[in-house]
Amino acid sequence: MKIKDTKIKSLTVQERKIFDLIQGGASNQEISNEFHIELSTVKSHVTNIYSKLKVKSRREAINIKIK
């Protein structure tokens, strides 16, 4: 799945960092540990990322290629 760079730019700095870890295969718990934030906060960021990038699953997010 390819998306436009403008959609990636719509992510906040924190969402972009989390998105990069998702693409690297990190779990929500691993992301939580990496950034020292609550698991519920990670889940909120992931939900926002999915919404902004118009994906429905982690698998779709991992498979995103930027145009």
C-alpha atoms as a PDB file:
ATOM      1  CA  MET A   1       0.000   0.000   0.000  1.00  0.00           C
ATOM      2  CA  LYS A   2       1.406   3.373  -1.003  1.00  0.00           C
ATOM      3  CA  ILE A   3       0.429   6.652   0.612  1.00  0.00           C
ATOM      4  CA  LYS A   4       1.341  10.223  -0.136  1.00  0.00           C
ATOM      5  CA  ASP A   5       4.009  11.955   1.892  1.00  0.00           C
ATOM      6  CA  THR A   6       1.413  14.588   2.890  1.00  0.00           C
ATOM      7  CA  LYS A   7      -0.438  11.990   4.979  1.00  0.00           C
ATOM      8  CA  ILE A   8       2.771  11.147   6.829  1.00  0.00           C
ATOM      9  CA  LYS A   9       3.375  14.855   7.402  1.00  0.00           C
ATOM     10  CA  SER A  10      -0.062  15.073   9.044  1.00  0.00           C
ATOM     11  CA  LEU A  11       1.275  12.948  11.915  1.00  0.00           C
ATOM     12  CA  THR A  12       2.565  14.712  15.015  1.00  0.00           C
ATOM     13  CA  VAL A  13       6.223  14.266  15.927  1.00  0.00           C
ATOM     14  CA  GLN A  14       5.334  11.649  18.556  1.00  0.00           C
ATOM     15  CA  GLU A  15       2.984   9.825  16.168  1.00  0.00           C
ATOM     16  CA  ARG A  16       5.718   9.713  13.548  1.00  0.00           C
ATOM     17  CA  LYS A  17       8.174   8.204  16.039  1.00  0.00           C
ATOM     18  CA  ILE A  18       5.584   5.607  17.030  1.00  0.00           C
ATOM     19  CA  PHE A  19       4.741   4.918  13.378  1.00  0.00           C
ATOM     20  CA  ASP A  20       8.421   4.269  12.672  1.00  0.00           C
ATOM     21  CA  LEU A  21       8.528   1.735  15.506  1.00  0.00           C
ATOM     22  CA  ILE A  22       5.311   0.093  14.292  1.00  0.00           C
ATOM     23  CA  GLN A  23       6.866  -0.284  10.859  1.00  0.00           C
ATOM     24  CA  GLY A  24       9.852  -1.887  12.547  1.00  0.00           C
ATOM     25  CA  GLY A  25       7.553  -4.476  14.110  1.00  0.00           C
ATOM     26  CA  ALA A  26       7.445  -3.130  17.673  1.00  0.00           C
ATOM     27  CA  SER A  27       4.501  -4.050  19.890  1.00  0.00           C
ATOM     28  CA  ASN A  28       2.493  -1.471  21.830  1.00  0.00           C
ATOM     29  CA  GLN A  29       4.229  -2.613  25.016  1.00  0.00           C
ATOM     30  CA  GLU A  30       7.672  -2.194  23.442  1.00  0.00           C
ATOM     31  CA  ILE A  31       6.714   1.301  22.263  1.00  0.00           C
ATOM     32  CA  SER A  32       5.442   2.122  25.756  1.00  0.00           C
ATOM     33  CA  ASN A  33       8.750   1.002  27.256  1.00  0.00           C
ATOM     34  CA  GLU A  34      10.815   2.877  24.643  1.00  0.00           C
ATOM     35  CA  PHE A  35       9.123   6.237  25.247  1.00  0.00           C
ATOM     36  CA  HIS A  36       8.306   5.756  28.941  1.00  0.00           C
ATOM     37  CA  ILE A  37       4.611   6.408  28.347  1.00  0.00           C
ATOM     38  CA  GLU A  38       1.521   4.501  29.441  1.00  0.00           C
ATOM     39  CA  LEU A  39       0.231   1.696  27.258  1.00  0.00           C
ATOM     40  CA  SER A  40      -3.114   3.503  26.965  1.00  0.00           C
ATOM     41  CA  THR A  41      -1.285   6.545  25.559  1.00  0.00           C
ATOM     42  CA  VAL A  42       0.401   4.373  22.941  1.00  0.00           C
ATOM     43  CA  LYS A  43      -2.981   2.916  21.991  1.00  0.00           C
ATOM     44  CA  SER A  44      -4.397   6.429  21.570  1.00  0.00           C
ATOM     45  CA  HIS A  45      -1.495   7.407  19.333  1.00  0.00           C
ATOM     46  CA  VAL A  46      -1.896   4.217  17.289  1.00  0.00           C
ATOM     47  CA  THR A  47      -5.622   4.918  16.824  1.00  0.00           C
ATOM     48  CA  ASN A  48      -4.819   8.453  15.647  1.00  0.00           C
ATOM     49  CA  ILE A  49      -2.153   7.143  13.256  1.00  0.00           C
ATOM     50  CA  TYR A  50      -4.559   4.607  11.730  1.00  0.00           C
ATOM     51  CA  SER A  51      -7.191   7.316  11.291  1.00  0.00           C
ATOM     52  CA  LYS A  52      -4.840   9.834   9.686  1.00  0.00           C
ATOM     53  CA  LEU A  53      -3.302   7.246   7.357  1.00  0.00           C
ATOM     54  CA  LYS A  54      -6.678   5.606   6.653  1.00  0.00           C
ATOM     55  CA  VAL A  55      -5.559   2.107   7.635  1.00  0.00           C
ATOM     56  CA  LYS A  56      -7.458  -0.420   9.711  1.00  0.00           C
ATOM     57  CA  SER A  57      -4.754  -2.663  11.076  1.00  0.00           C
ATOM     58  CA  ARG A  58      -1.160  -2.867  12.198  1.00  0.00           C
ATOM     59  CA  ARG A  59      -0.431  -5.108   9.223  1.00  0.00           C
ATOM     60  CA  GLU A  60      -1.630  -2.373   6.831  1.00  0.00           C
ATOM     61  CA  ALA A  61       0.480   0.200   8.707  1.00  0.00           C
ATOM     62  CA  ILE A  62       3.568  -2.017   8.494  1.00  0.00           C
ATOM     63  CA  ASN A  63       3.063  -2.493   4.747  1.00  0.00           C
ATOM     64  CA  ILE A  64       2.790   1.225   3.949  1.00  0.00           C
ATOM     65  CA  LYS A  65       5.263   2.552   1.416  1.00  0.00           C
ATOM     66  CA  ILE A  66       5.633   6.320   1.102  1.00  0.00           C
ATOM     67  CA  LYS A  67       5.371   7.821  -2.391  1.00  0.00           C
END
